[in-house]
Amino acid sequence: MHDTIMHILPQTLRILLSGLPPDVQASVEEIRVRESRPFELIWSDGYAFVDERGQLVAGEERAYKPTRQDCLTLLEMLTNHSMYTHEEELRRGYITIVGGHRVGLAGRTVLDQGDVKQIRDVSSFNIRIAREIQGVGRQVLPHLYDPILRSIHHTLVISPPQQGKTTLIRDMTRLISRGEWGVSGLGTAGKKVGVVDERSELAACVKGVPRFDLGPRTDVMDGCPKAEGMMMMIRSLSPDVLVVDEIGRPEDAAAIHEAVHTGIRVVATAHGADYDDVRMRPVLKQLLEEGVFTRYVILHRRKGEPSAFRILDRLGKPLELYPARKG
C-alpha cells in the first residue's frame, strides 16, 4: 500500500490494511470508508470487506465498521487539520493528496442560495489509488499521429470512471513530450506539452513539481480550473499540445476552441460509455458536431482484463488500425 495513503488513515484502519498480503495491497484500486458500515476494498474485477482481524471476507456481517472517530481522524488527516484551507475542495466533494490519489467525500451538504457551499458531517470516503503505468500509451499513440502536421490529432478519450483515462493520457503526455510516437521514420521530435491538472491527479505535483514522469518538455498548471488554466497556458507558455482531464462545462469548450484556433493540439478526456453517450451531453455534443476532435479513443475494460480501446475518426466511425511499432 502506498505510504501516502497509509499516512492519512486512522491507526485502526492502517493496522487492518497492513496485515493484508502484499499482492492484495498492490492491486487495490479503491478503499471505501463509510461510518458504521462495512470497510470495503475494490479491485477491477470485484470487491471484498475487511474484518476486525484484517482478513478479507465476502459477507458484510463480519466486516469491520469504521467508527465516527475513524472518520473524523481521516478527515483531519486529509485536510492537514485545517478544514478552512480546504473549503473549495470540500465544496467540490473531493480532496487530492500527495501521489495523485483522489479521495471522494459524501455527507451532509451546506447550501448557499441553492448551491453547495461545502460538505459537513462527512461519513463516506472513497480513496481512489492513482498508479503510474508507463507504456500503456504506446499501443494507442501511433493511431493518433497526424502525419500532415507532424503532431497528435485533436483527441478525446472517452470511458466510464475507472477504465484508465487518466492513466492513458498521463503516459501519452510522457511519450509526446519525448517524441516517442511509435511511428517509423519520425525520430525523436518531442513536443512542448501543457498539462492543466485541476485535480492534481495527472502529475501528482508537490509544491508545483510533478512526481509522475510527464516527460522533459512538459509544463503543469496544478490545481487550476481547467478553462482558466488552458487560457493561461495559451497566453504564457506556448504549448504545442494541451492536455486536460474530464471536460464538460461550457467554459471548457470555449477554452478548447481558443486553443484549436491558435494552432495548439488538444488531448482531453470525458466520462461516457461510448461516442453516442457523450453526444447526449450538450457541451460535448456541440464540440462533436463542430468536428473539433478528429480522433476519439473509447476505453473499455472487461472483468479481470486490462483496458482495451477503439479509435474513431472525426465522424465517430471506426478507424482502420495499422499495427503499432513495438518499442
C-alpha atoms as a PDB file:
ATOM      1  CA  MET A   1       0.000   0.000   0.000  1.00  0.00           C
ATOM      2  CA  HIS A   2       1.251   3.488  -0.832  1.00  0.00           C
ATOM      3  CA  ASP A   3       2.890   5.221   2.141  1.00  0.00           C
ATOM      4  CA  THR A   4       0.983   8.434   1.406  1.00  0.00           C
ATOM      5  CA  ILE A   5      -2.311   6.575   1.753  1.00  0.00           C
ATOM      6  CA  MET A   6      -1.306   4.721   4.907  1.00  0.00           C
ATOM      7  CA  HIS A   7      -0.207   8.046   6.398  1.00  0.00           C
ATOM      8  CA  ILE A   8      -3.691   9.605   6.160  1.00  0.00           C
ATOM      9  CA  LEU A   9      -5.565   6.630   7.584  1.00  0.00           C
ATOM     10  CA  PRO A  10      -6.521   6.391  11.254  1.00  0.00           C
ATOM     11  CA  GLN A  11      -4.462   3.837  13.135  1.00  0.00           C
ATOM     12  CA  THR A  12      -7.316   1.330  13.328  1.00  0.00           C
ATOM     13  CA  LEU A  13      -7.654   1.108   9.536  1.00  0.00           C
ATOM     14  CA  ARG A  14      -3.908   1.298   8.976  1.00  0.00           C
ATOM     15  CA  ILE A  15      -3.408  -1.797  11.139  1.00  0.00           C
ATOM     16  CA  LEU A  16      -6.141  -3.707   9.292  1.00  0.00           C
ATOM     17  CA  LEU A  17      -4.644  -2.936   5.869  1.00  0.00           C
ATOM     18  CA  SER A  18      -1.026  -3.532   6.850  1.00  0.00           C
ATOM     19  CA  GLY A  19      -1.835  -7.170   7.607  1.00  0.00           C
ATOM     20  CA  LEU A  20      -3.120  -7.923   4.125  1.00  0.00           C
ATOM     21  CA  PRO A  21      -0.913  -9.939   1.721  1.00  0.00           C
ATOM     22  CA  PRO A  22       1.399  -7.746  -0.413  1.00  0.00           C
ATOM     23  CA  ASP A  23      -0.259  -8.810  -3.688  1.00  0.00           C
ATOM     24  CA  VAL A  24      -3.643  -7.765  -2.324  1.00  0.00           C
ATOM     25  CA  GLN A  25      -2.307  -4.389  -1.191  1.00  0.00           C
ATOM     26  CA  ALA A  26      -0.660  -3.813  -4.578  1.00  0.00           C
ATOM     27  CA  SER A  27      -3.800  -4.483  -6.612  1.00  0.00           C
ATOM     28  CA  VAL A  28      -6.380  -2.476  -4.633  1.00  0.00           C
ATOM     29  CA  GLU A  29      -7.950   0.334  -6.690  1.00  0.00           C
ATOM     30  CA  GLU A  30     -10.341   1.853  -4.149  1.00  0.00           C
ATOM     31  CA  ILE A  31     -10.584   1.939  -0.363  1.00  0.00           C
ATOM     32  CA  ARG A  32     -14.107   2.674   0.861  1.00  0.00           C
ATOM     33  CA  VAL A  33     -14.556   4.026   4.377  1.00  0.00           C
ATOM     34  CA  ARG A  34     -18.166   4.505   5.478  1.00  0.00           C
ATOM     35  CA  GLU A  35     -19.138   5.365   9.032  1.00  0.00           C
ATOM     36  CA  SER A  36     -20.835   2.438  10.800  1.00  0.00           C
ATOM     37  CA  ARG A  37     -20.846   0.449   7.555  1.00  0.00           C
ATOM     38  CA  PRO A  38     -18.525  -2.270   6.241  1.00  0.00           C
ATOM     39  CA  PHE A  39     -14.901  -1.387   5.471  1.00  0.00           C
ATOM     40  CA  GLU A  40     -14.506  -2.236   1.780  1.00  0.00           C
ATOM     41  CA  LEU A  41     -11.723  -2.769  -0.766  1.00  0.00           C
ATOM     42  CA  ILE A  42     -12.337  -2.722  -4.526  1.00  0.00           C
ATOM     43  CA  TRP A  43     -10.381  -4.226  -7.425  1.00  0.00           C
ATOM     44  CA  SER A  44     -11.026  -4.102 -11.159  1.00  0.00           C
ATOM     45  CA  ASP A  45     -12.768  -7.479 -11.016  1.00  0.00           C
ATOM     46  CA  GLY A  46     -14.535  -7.405  -7.677  1.00  0.00           C
ATOM     47  CA  TYR A  47     -14.601  -6.307  -4.053  1.00  0.00           C
ATOM     48  CA  ALA A  48     -14.302  -7.639  -0.512  1.00  0.00           C
ATOM     49  CA  PHE A  49     -14.783  -6.425   3.025  1.00  0.00           C
ATOM     50  CA  VAL A  50     -12.135  -6.391   5.760  1.00  0.00           C
ATOM     51  CA  ASP A  51     -12.904  -7.885   9.161  1.00  0.00           C
ATOM     52  CA  GLU A  52     -11.565  -6.889  12.581  1.00  0.00           C
ATOM     53  CA  ARG A  53      -8.588  -9.249  12.199  1.00  0.00           C
ATOM     54  CA  GLY A  54      -7.521  -7.700   8.903  1.00  0.00           C
ATOM     55  CA  GLN A  55      -8.820 -10.610   6.836  1.00  0.00           C
ATOM     56  CA  LEU A  56     -10.809 -10.341   3.606  1.00  0.00           C
ATOM     57  CA  VAL A  57     -14.390 -11.561   3.940  1.00  0.00           C
ATOM     58  CA  ALA A  58     -17.256 -11.769   1.469  1.00  0.00           C
ATOM     59  CA  GLY A  59     -20.087 -11.101   3.907  1.00  0.00           C
ATOM     60  CA  GLU A  60     -20.809  -7.691   5.377  1.00  0.00           C
ATOM     61  CA  GLU A  61     -21.845  -9.145   8.734  1.00  0.00           C
ATOM     62  CA  ARG A  62     -18.255  -9.939   9.719  1.00  0.00           C
ATOM     63  CA  ALA A  63     -16.724  -6.745   8.335  1.00  0.00           C
ATOM     64  CA  TYR A  64     -15.141  -4.049  10.480  1.00  0.00           C
ATOM     65  CA  LYS A  65     -17.345  -0.971  10.589  1.00  0.00           C
ATOM     66  CA  PRO A  66     -15.408   2.304  10.852  1.00  0.00           C
ATOM     67  CA  THR A  67     -16.464   4.462  13.778  1.00  0.00           C
ATOM     68  CA  ARG A  68     -17.279   8.157  13.933  1.00  0.00           C
ATOM     69  CA  GLN A  69     -13.822   8.739  15.391  1.00  0.00           C
ATOM     70  CA  ASP A  70     -12.226   6.857  12.468  1.00  0.00           C
ATOM     71  CA  CYS A  71     -13.984   9.183  10.019  1.00  0.00           C
ATOM     72  CA  LEU A  72     -13.149  12.330  11.987  1.00  0.00           C
ATOM     73  CA  THR A  73      -9.494  11.345  12.152  1.00  0.00           C
ATOM     74  CA  LEU A  74      -9.392  10.543   8.441  1.00  0.00           C
ATOM     75  CA  LEU A  75     -10.902  13.933   7.567  1.00  0.00           C
ATOM     76  CA  GLU A  76      -8.442  15.698   9.872  1.00  0.00           C
ATOM     77  CA  MET A  77      -5.521  13.965   8.191  1.00  0.00           C
ATOM     78  CA  LEU A  78      -6.869  14.712   4.708  1.00  0.00           C
ATOM     79  CA  THR A  79      -7.204  18.428   5.456  1.00  0.00           C
ATOM     80  CA  ASN A  80      -3.961  18.589   7.453  1.00  0.00           C
ATOM     81  CA  HIS A  81      -6.030  19.663  10.465  1.00  0.00           C
ATOM     82  CA  SER A  82      -7.323  22.765   8.634  1.00  0.00           C
ATOM     83  CA  MET A  83     -10.805  22.455   7.172  1.00  0.00           C
ATOM     84  CA  TYR A  84     -10.775  26.147   6.312  1.00  0.00           C
ATOM     85  CA  THR A  85      -7.897  25.871   3.845  1.00  0.00           C
ATOM     86  CA  HIS A  86      -9.697  23.049   2.006  1.00  0.00           C
ATOM     87  CA  GLU A  87     -13.108  24.708   1.701  1.00  0.00           C
ATOM     88  CA  GLU A  88     -13.072  24.727  -2.100  1.00  0.00           C
ATOM     89  CA  GLU A  89     -12.164  21.055  -2.324  1.00  0.00           C
ATOM     90  CA  LEU A  90     -14.792  20.167   0.261  1.00  0.00           C
ATOM     91  CA  ARG A  91     -17.353  22.077  -1.786  1.00  0.00           C
ATOM     92  CA  ARG A  92     -16.444  20.063  -4.883  1.00  0.00           C
ATOM     93  CA  GLY A  93     -16.609  16.783  -2.988  1.00  0.00           C
ATOM     94  CA  TYR A  94     -13.045  15.538  -3.207  1.00  0.00           C
ATOM     95  CA  ILE A  95      -9.535  16.120  -1.894  1.00  0.00           C
ATOM     96  CA  THR A  96      -6.399  15.117  -3.809  1.00  0.00           C
ATOM     97  CA  ILE A  97      -3.445  14.028  -1.702  1.00  0.00           C
ATOM     98  CA  VAL A  98       0.266  13.648  -2.444  1.00  0.00           C
ATOM     99  CA  GLY A  99       0.762  10.982  -5.098  1.00  0.00           C
ATOM    100  CA  GLY A 100      -2.282  11.997  -7.137  1.00  0.00           C
ATOM    101  CA  HIS A 101      -4.675   9.866  -5.088  1.00  0.00           C
ATOM    102  CA  ARG A 102      -8.156  11.390  -5.029  1.00  0.00           C
ATOM    103  CA  VAL A 103     -10.452  10.995  -2.046  1.00  0.00           C
ATOM    104  CA  GLY A 104     -14.140  11.427  -2.798  1.00  0.00           C
ATOM    105  CA  LEU A 105     -16.379  12.623   0.027  1.00  0.00           C
ATOM    106  CA  ALA A 106     -20.052  12.322   0.902  1.00  0.00           C
ATOM    107  CA  GLY A 107     -22.069  13.590   3.830  1.00  0.00           C
ATOM    108  CA  ARG A 108     -24.406  16.438   4.735  1.00  0.00           C
ATOM    109  CA  THR A 109     -24.207  19.342   2.316  1.00  0.00           C
ATOM    110  CA  VAL A 110     -24.429  23.001   3.305  1.00  0.00           C
ATOM    111  CA  LEU A 111     -26.258  25.141   0.743  1.00  0.00           C
ATOM    112  CA  ASP A 112     -25.885  28.812  -0.114  1.00  0.00           C
ATOM    113  CA  GLN A 113     -28.730  30.140  -2.301  1.00  0.00           C
ATOM    114  CA  GLY A 114     -29.278  26.659  -3.687  1.00  0.00           C
ATOM    115  CA  ASP A 115     -25.617  25.927  -4.443  1.00  0.00           C
ATOM    116  CA  VAL A 116     -23.445  23.533  -2.472  1.00  0.00           C
ATOM    117  CA  LYS A 117     -21.160  25.566  -0.210  1.00  0.00           C
ATOM    118  CA  GLN A 118     -19.398  22.615   1.401  1.00  0.00           C
ATOM    119  CA  ILE A 119     -19.852  19.119   2.795  1.00  0.00           C
ATOM    120  CA  ARG A 120     -20.068  18.673   6.539  1.00  0.00           C
ATOM    121  CA  ASP A 121     -20.540  15.585   8.690  1.00  0.00           C
ATOM    122  CA  VAL A 122     -18.508  13.615   6.160  1.00  0.00           C
ATOM    123  CA  SER A 123     -19.416   9.953   6.579  1.00  0.00           C
ATOM    124  CA  SER A 124     -18.200   8.344   3.339  1.00  0.00           C
ATOM    125  CA  PHE A 125     -14.703   8.360   1.812  1.00  0.00           C
ATOM    126  CA  ASN A 126     -13.637   6.825  -1.485  1.00  0.00           C
ATOM    127  CA  ILE A 127      -9.844   6.684  -1.704  1.00  0.00           C
ATOM    128  CA  ARG A 128      -9.015   6.130  -5.379  1.00  0.00           C
ATOM    129  CA  ILE A 129      -5.443   4.912  -5.769  1.00  0.00           C
ATOM    130  CA  ALA A 130      -3.510   6.523  -8.620  1.00  0.00           C
ATOM    131  CA  ARG A 131      -0.841   4.462 -10.351  1.00  0.00           C
ATOM    132  CA  GLU A 132       1.770   5.480 -12.882  1.00  0.00           C
ATOM    133  CA  ILE A 133       1.824   2.760 -15.543  1.00  0.00           C
ATOM    134  CA  GLN A 134       4.372   3.594 -18.194  1.00  0.00           C
ATOM    135  CA  GLY A 135       3.886   2.087 -21.622  1.00  0.00           C
ATOM    136  CA  VAL A 136       0.079   1.967 -21.736  1.00  0.00           C
ATOM    137  CA  GLY A 137       0.049   4.745 -24.333  1.00  0.00           C
ATOM    138  CA  ARG A 138       2.357   3.004 -26.792  1.00  0.00           C
ATOM    139  CA  GLN A 139      -0.388   0.973 -28.456  1.00  0.00           C
ATOM    140  CA  VAL A 140      -2.726   3.960 -28.777  1.00  0.00           C
ATOM    141  CA  LEU A 141      -0.495   6.898 -29.680  1.00  0.00           C
ATOM    142  CA  PRO A 142       0.607   5.768 -33.183  1.00  0.00           C
ATOM    143  CA  HIS A 143      -3.030   5.786 -34.310  1.00  0.00           C
ATOM    144  CA  LEU A 144      -3.452   9.374 -33.133  1.00  0.00           C
ATOM    145  CA  TYR A 145      -0.472  10.800 -35.002  1.00  0.00           C
ATOM    146  CA  ASP A 146      -1.261  13.386 -37.689  1.00  0.00           C
ATOM    147  CA  PRO A 147       1.421  12.988 -40.392  1.00  0.00           C
ATOM    148  CA  ILE A 148       0.457  16.252 -42.111  1.00  0.00           C
ATOM    149  CA  LEU A 149       1.022  18.464 -39.070  1.00  0.00           C
ATOM    150  CA  ARG A 150       3.529  16.045 -37.515  1.00  0.00           C
ATOM    151  CA  SER A 151       1.725  16.150 -34.196  1.00  0.00           C
ATOM    152  CA  ILE A 152      -1.190  14.487 -32.461  1.00  0.00           C
ATOM    153  CA  HIS A 153      -4.766  14.769 -33.694  1.00  0.00           C
ATOM    154  CA  HIS A 154      -7.200  16.707 -31.528  1.00  0.00           C
ATOM    155  CA  THR A 155      -8.213  13.737 -29.375  1.00  0.00           C
ATOM    156  CA  LEU A 156     -10.996  12.990 -26.901  1.00  0.00           C
ATOM    157  CA  VAL A 157     -10.608   9.911 -24.681  1.00  0.00           C
ATOM    158  CA  ILE A 158     -13.977   8.531 -23.573  1.00  0.00           C
ATOM    159  CA  SER A 159     -14.826   5.938 -20.934  1.00  0.00           C
ATOM    160  CA  PRO A 160     -16.784   5.424 -17.718  1.00  0.00           C
ATOM    161  CA  PRO A 161     -14.926   6.047 -14.444  1.00  0.00           C
ATOM    162  CA  GLN A 162     -12.071   3.695 -13.508  1.00  0.00           C
ATOM    163  CA  GLN A 163     -11.354   2.491 -17.023  1.00  0.00           C
ATOM    164  CA  GLY A 164      -7.917   4.103 -17.279  1.00  0.00           C
ATOM    165  CA  LYS A 165      -8.491   7.510 -18.950  1.00  0.00           C
ATOM    166  CA  THR A 166      -6.167   9.434 -16.661  1.00  0.00           C
ATOM    167  CA  THR A 167      -3.511   6.716 -16.709  1.00  0.00           C
ATOM    168  CA  LEU A 168      -3.595   6.679 -20.515  1.00  0.00           C
ATOM    169  CA  ILE A 169      -3.290  10.422 -21.107  1.00  0.00           C
ATOM    170  CA  ARG A 170      -0.583  10.666 -18.446  1.00  0.00           C
ATOM    171  CA  ASP A 171       1.535   8.179 -20.375  1.00  0.00           C
ATOM    172  CA  MET A 172       0.640   9.765 -23.714  1.00  0.00           C
ATOM    173  CA  THR A 173       1.851  13.096 -22.322  1.00  0.00           C
ATOM    174  CA  ARG A 174       5.180  11.495 -21.415  1.00  0.00           C
ATOM    175  CA  LEU A 175       5.553   9.935 -24.872  1.00  0.00           C
ATOM    176  CA  ILE A 176       4.564  13.098 -26.780  1.00  0.00           C
ATOM    177  CA  SER A 177       6.958  15.175 -24.700  1.00  0.00           C
ATOM    178  CA  ARG A 178       9.770  12.753 -25.542  1.00  0.00           C
ATOM    179  CA  GLY A 179       8.789  12.338 -29.190  1.00  0.00           C
ATOM    180  CA  GLU A 180       8.217   8.616 -28.811  1.00  0.00           C
ATOM    181  CA  TRP A 181       5.357   8.381 -31.301  1.00  0.00           C
ATOM    182  CA  GLY A 182       5.791   4.721 -32.186  1.00  0.00           C
ATOM    183  CA  VAL A 183       5.720   5.581 -35.902  1.00  0.00           C
ATOM    184  CA  SER A 184       8.665   4.647 -38.110  1.00  0.00           C
ATOM    185  CA  GLY A 185      10.845   7.418 -39.509  1.00  0.00           C
ATOM    186  CA  LEU A 186       9.886  10.182 -37.098  1.00  0.00           C
ATOM    187  CA  GLY A 187      12.973  10.262 -34.935  1.00  0.00           C
ATOM    188  CA  THR A 188      12.523  11.790 -31.502  1.00  0.00           C
ATOM    189  CA  ALA A 189      10.853  15.130 -32.189  1.00  0.00           C
ATOM    190  CA  GLY A 190       9.208  15.816 -28.840  1.00  0.00           C
ATOM    191  CA  LYS A 191       6.533  18.473 -28.413  1.00  0.00           C
ATOM    192  CA  LYS A 192       6.050  21.138 -25.761  1.00  0.00           C
ATOM    193  CA  VAL A 193       3.121  19.898 -23.680  1.00  0.00           C
ATOM    194  CA  GLY A 194       0.994  21.948 -21.311  1.00  0.00           C
ATOM    195  CA  VAL A 195      -0.982  19.986 -18.709  1.00  0.00           C
ATOM    196  CA  VAL A 196      -3.842  21.595 -16.805  1.00  0.00           C
ATOM    197  CA  ASP A 197      -4.198  19.371 -13.749  1.00  0.00           C
ATOM    198  CA  GLU A 198      -7.220  20.696 -11.878  1.00  0.00           C
ATOM    199  CA  ARG A 199      -7.494  17.700  -9.557  1.00  0.00           C
ATOM    200  CA  SER A 200      -3.725  17.127  -9.169  1.00  0.00           C
ATOM    201  CA  GLU A 201      -4.155  13.579 -10.469  1.00  0.00           C
ATOM    202  CA  LEU A 202      -2.265  13.698 -13.746  1.00  0.00           C
ATOM    203  CA  ALA A 203       1.071  14.963 -12.449  1.00  0.00           C
ATOM    204  CA  ALA A 204       0.767  14.417  -8.672  1.00  0.00           C
ATOM    205  CA  CYS A 205       2.555  17.711  -8.045  1.00  0.00           C
ATOM    206  CA  VAL A 206       4.105  18.506  -4.686  1.00  0.00           C
ATOM    207  CA  LYS A 207       4.709  22.245  -4.323  1.00  0.00           C
ATOM    208  CA  GLY A 208       4.279  22.604  -8.074  1.00  0.00           C
ATOM    209  CA  VAL A 209       6.766  19.891  -9.050  1.00  0.00           C
ATOM    210  CA  PRO A 210       5.339  16.765 -10.811  1.00  0.00           C
ATOM    211  CA  ARG A 211       6.010  13.465  -9.080  1.00  0.00           C
ATOM    212  CA  PHE A 212       4.842  11.413 -12.066  1.00  0.00           C
ATOM    213  CA  ASP A 213       7.043  11.335 -15.172  1.00  0.00           C
ATOM    214  CA  LEU A 214       5.347  13.533 -17.790  1.00  0.00           C
ATOM    215  CA  GLY A 215       8.409  13.921 -19.998  1.00  0.00           C
ATOM    216  CA  PRO A 216      11.156  16.534 -20.331  1.00  0.00           C
ATOM    217  CA  ARG A 217       9.177  19.149 -22.288  1.00  0.00           C
ATOM    218  CA  THR A 218       6.035  19.290 -20.150  1.00  0.00           C
ATOM    219  CA  ASP A 219       4.732  22.179 -18.017  1.00  0.00           C
ATOM    220  CA  VAL A 220       1.985  21.667 -15.441  1.00  0.00           C
ATOM    221  CA  MET A 221      -0.625  24.111 -14.167  1.00  0.00           C
ATOM    222  CA  ASP A 222      -1.557  22.377 -10.920  1.00  0.00           C
ATOM    223  CA  GLY A 223      -4.829  22.786  -9.018  1.00  0.00           C
ATOM    224  CA  CYS A 224      -6.157  25.291 -11.543  1.00  0.00           C
ATOM    225  CA  PRO A 225      -9.687  25.238 -13.035  1.00  0.00           C
ATOM    226  CA  LYS A 226      -9.463  23.704 -16.490  1.00  0.00           C
ATOM    227  CA  ALA A 227     -10.757  26.593 -18.583  1.00  0.00           C
ATOM    228  CA  GLU A 228      -8.707  29.232 -16.814  1.00  0.00           C
ATOM    229  CA  GLY A 229      -5.625  27.029 -16.839  1.00  0.00           C
ATOM    230  CA  MET A 230      -5.891  26.403 -20.580  1.00  0.00           C
ATOM    231  CA  MET A 231      -6.128  30.132 -21.272  1.00  0.00           C
ATOM    232  CA  MET A 232      -3.138  30.806 -19.021  1.00  0.00           C
ATOM    233  CA  MET A 233      -1.143  28.156 -20.854  1.00  0.00           C
ATOM    234  CA  ILE A 234      -2.102  29.594 -24.256  1.00  0.00           C
ATOM    235  CA  ARG A 235      -1.110  33.140 -23.251  1.00  0.00           C
ATOM    236  CA  SER A 236       2.129  32.426 -21.460  1.00  0.00           C
ATOM    237  CA  LEU A 237       3.687  29.020 -22.165  1.00  0.00           C
ATOM    238  CA  SER A 238       3.226  28.474 -25.935  1.00  0.00           C
ATOM    239  CA  PRO A 239       2.496  24.735 -25.774  1.00  0.00           C
ATOM    240  CA  ASP A 240       2.321  22.614 -28.911  1.00  0.00           C
ATOM    241  CA  VAL A 241      -0.144  20.285 -27.177  1.00  0.00           C
ATOM    242  CA  LEU A 242      -2.616  20.924 -24.340  1.00  0.00           C
ATOM    243  CA  VAL A 243      -3.685  18.018 -22.120  1.00  0.00           C
ATOM    244  CA  VAL A 244      -6.706  18.291 -19.826  1.00  0.00           C
ATOM    245  CA  ASP A 245      -8.776  15.751 -17.894  1.00  0.00           C
ATOM    246  CA  GLU A 246     -12.575  15.432 -17.641  1.00  0.00           C
ATOM    247  CA  ILE A 247     -14.031  18.285 -19.676  1.00  0.00           C
ATOM    248  CA  GLY A 248     -17.734  19.021 -19.743  1.00  0.00           C
ATOM    249  CA  ARG A 249     -18.514  22.636 -18.816  1.00  0.00           C
ATOM    250  CA  PRO A 250     -19.244  25.471 -21.266  1.00  0.00           C
ATOM    251  CA  GLU A 251     -16.100  27.330 -20.231  1.00  0.00           C
ATOM    252  CA  ASP A 252     -14.052  24.215 -21.026  1.00  0.00           C
ATOM    253  CA  ALA A 253     -15.436  24.186 -24.555  1.00  0.00           C
ATOM    254  CA  ALA A 254     -14.661  27.883 -25.024  1.00  0.00           C
ATOM    255  CA  ALA A 255     -11.042  27.365 -23.963  1.00  0.00           C
ATOM    256  CA  ILE A 256     -10.685  24.362 -26.268  1.00  0.00           C
ATOM    257  CA  HIS A 257     -11.973  26.455 -29.168  1.00  0.00           C
ATOM    258  CA  GLU A 258      -9.402  29.123 -28.347  1.00  0.00           C
ATOM    259  CA  ALA A 259      -6.587  26.566 -28.298  1.00  0.00           C
ATOM    260  CA  VAL A 260      -7.660  24.946 -31.560  1.00  0.00           C
ATOM    261  CA  HIS A 261      -7.882  28.304 -33.327  1.00  0.00           C
ATOM    262  CA  THR A 262      -4.355  29.203 -32.228  1.00  0.00           C
ATOM    263  CA  GLY A 263      -2.898  26.022 -33.683  1.00  0.00           C
ATOM    264  CA  ILE A 264      -2.473  24.113 -30.419  1.00  0.00           C
ATOM    265  CA  ARG A 265      -3.376  20.431 -30.431  1.00  0.00           C
ATOM    266  CA  VAL A 266      -5.735  19.311 -27.673  1.00  0.00           C
ATOM    267  CA  VAL A 267      -5.955  15.992 -25.811  1.00  0.00           C
ATOM    268  CA  ALA A 268      -8.867  15.723 -23.371  1.00  0.00           C
ATOM    269  CA  THR A 269     -10.975  13.129 -21.584  1.00  0.00           C
ATOM    270  CA  ALA A 270     -14.681  12.867 -20.849  1.00  0.00           C
ATOM    271  CA  HIS A 271     -16.920  10.484 -18.951  1.00  0.00           C
ATOM    272  CA  GLY A 272     -19.183   8.343 -21.103  1.00  0.00           C
ATOM    273  CA  ALA A 273     -19.846   4.777 -22.156  1.00  0.00           C
ATOM    274  CA  ASP A 274     -19.150   5.473 -25.827  1.00  0.00           C
ATOM    275  CA  TYR A 275     -19.297   8.104 -28.566  1.00  0.00           C
ATOM    276  CA  ASP A 276     -23.114   8.187 -28.679  1.00  0.00           C
ATOM    277  CA  ASP A 277     -23.305   8.544 -24.911  1.00  0.00           C
ATOM    278  CA  VAL A 278     -21.043  11.616 -24.949  1.00  0.00           C
ATOM    279  CA  ARG A 279     -23.192  13.180 -27.683  1.00  0.00           C
ATOM    280  CA  MET A 280     -26.056  13.319 -25.185  1.00  0.00           C
ATOM    281  CA  ARG A 281     -24.197  15.921 -23.097  1.00  0.00           C
ATOM    282  CA  PRO A 282     -24.966  19.401 -24.502  1.00  0.00           C
ATOM    283  CA  VAL A 283     -21.483  20.935 -24.238  1.00  0.00           C
ATOM    284  CA  LEU A 284     -19.721  17.892 -25.651  1.00  0.00           C
ATOM    285  CA  LYS A 285     -22.369  17.440 -28.321  1.00  0.00           C
ATOM    286  CA  GLN A 286     -21.536  20.894 -29.659  1.00  0.00           C
ATOM    287  CA  LEU A 287     -17.814  20.102 -29.815  1.00  0.00           C
ATOM    288  CA  LEU A 288     -18.505  16.810 -31.592  1.00  0.00           C
ATOM    289  CA  GLU A 289     -20.896  18.326 -34.112  1.00  0.00           C
ATOM    290  CA  GLU A 290     -18.395  21.070 -34.907  1.00  0.00           C
ATOM    291  CA  GLY A 291     -15.745  18.441 -35.634  1.00  0.00           C
ATOM    292  CA  VAL A 292     -13.282  19.897 -33.125  1.00  0.00           C
ATOM    293  CA  PHE A 293     -11.926  16.458 -32.278  1.00  0.00           C
ATOM    294  CA  THR A 294     -10.610  14.388 -35.154  1.00  0.00           C
ATOM    295  CA  ARG A 295      -9.913  11.252 -33.115  1.00  0.00           C
ATOM    296  CA  TYR A 296     -11.862   9.541 -30.335  1.00  0.00           C
ATOM    297  CA  VAL A 297     -10.427   6.832 -28.106  1.00  0.00           C
ATOM    298  CA  ILE A 298     -13.094   4.648 -26.493  1.00  0.00           C
ATOM    299  CA  LEU A 299     -11.773   2.720 -23.496  1.00  0.00           C
ATOM    300  CA  HIS A 300     -13.478  -0.292 -22.001  1.00  0.00           C
ATOM    301  CA  ARG A 301     -12.364  -2.957 -19.576  1.00  0.00           C
ATOM    302  CA  ARG A 302     -13.816  -6.378 -19.045  1.00  0.00           C
ATOM    303  CA  LYS A 303     -13.739  -8.123 -15.719  1.00  0.00           C
ATOM    304  CA  GLY A 304     -10.225  -9.207 -14.834  1.00  0.00           C
ATOM    305  CA  GLU A 305      -8.677  -7.802 -18.029  1.00  0.00           C
ATOM    306  CA  PRO A 306      -6.678  -4.647 -18.824  1.00  0.00           C
ATOM    307  CA  SER A 307      -8.316  -1.786 -20.672  1.00  0.00           C
ATOM    308  CA  ALA A 308      -8.922  -2.259 -24.399  1.00  0.00           C
ATOM    309  CA  PHE A 309      -9.551   0.542 -26.876  1.00  0.00           C
ATOM    310  CA  ARG A 310     -11.314   1.501 -30.085  1.00  0.00           C
ATOM    311  CA  ILE A 311     -10.414   4.547 -32.151  1.00  0.00           C
ATOM    312  CA  LEU A 312     -12.960   6.564 -34.127  1.00  0.00           C
ATOM    313  CA  ASP A 313     -12.483   9.302 -36.711  1.00  0.00           C
ATOM    314  CA  ARG A 314     -13.948  12.815 -36.753  1.00  0.00           C
ATOM    315  CA  LEU A 315     -17.394  11.471 -37.660  1.00  0.00           C
ATOM    316  CA  GLY A 316     -17.383   8.801 -34.979  1.00  0.00           C
ATOM    317  CA  LYS A 317     -16.670   5.992 -37.438  1.00  0.00           C
ATOM    318  CA  PRO A 318     -14.243   3.183 -36.518  1.00  0.00           C
ATOM    319  CA  LEU A 319     -10.726   3.814 -37.762  1.00  0.00           C
ATOM    320  CA  GLU A 320      -8.917   1.074 -39.602  1.00  0.00           C
ATOM    321  CA  LEU A 321      -5.928   0.474 -37.352  1.00  0.00           C
ATOM    322  CA  TYR A 322      -2.461  -0.386 -38.574  1.00  0.00           C
ATOM    323  CA  PRO A 323      -0.045  -2.344 -36.343  1.00  0.00           C
ATOM    324  CA  ALA A 324       1.779  -0.174 -33.834  1.00  0.00           C
ATOM    325  CA  ARG A 325       5.567  -0.331 -33.911  1.00  0.00           C
ATOM    326  CA  LYS A 326       6.945  -2.028 -30.816  1.00  0.00           C
ATOM    327  CA  GLY A 327       9.389  -0.278 -28.509  1.00  0.00           C
END
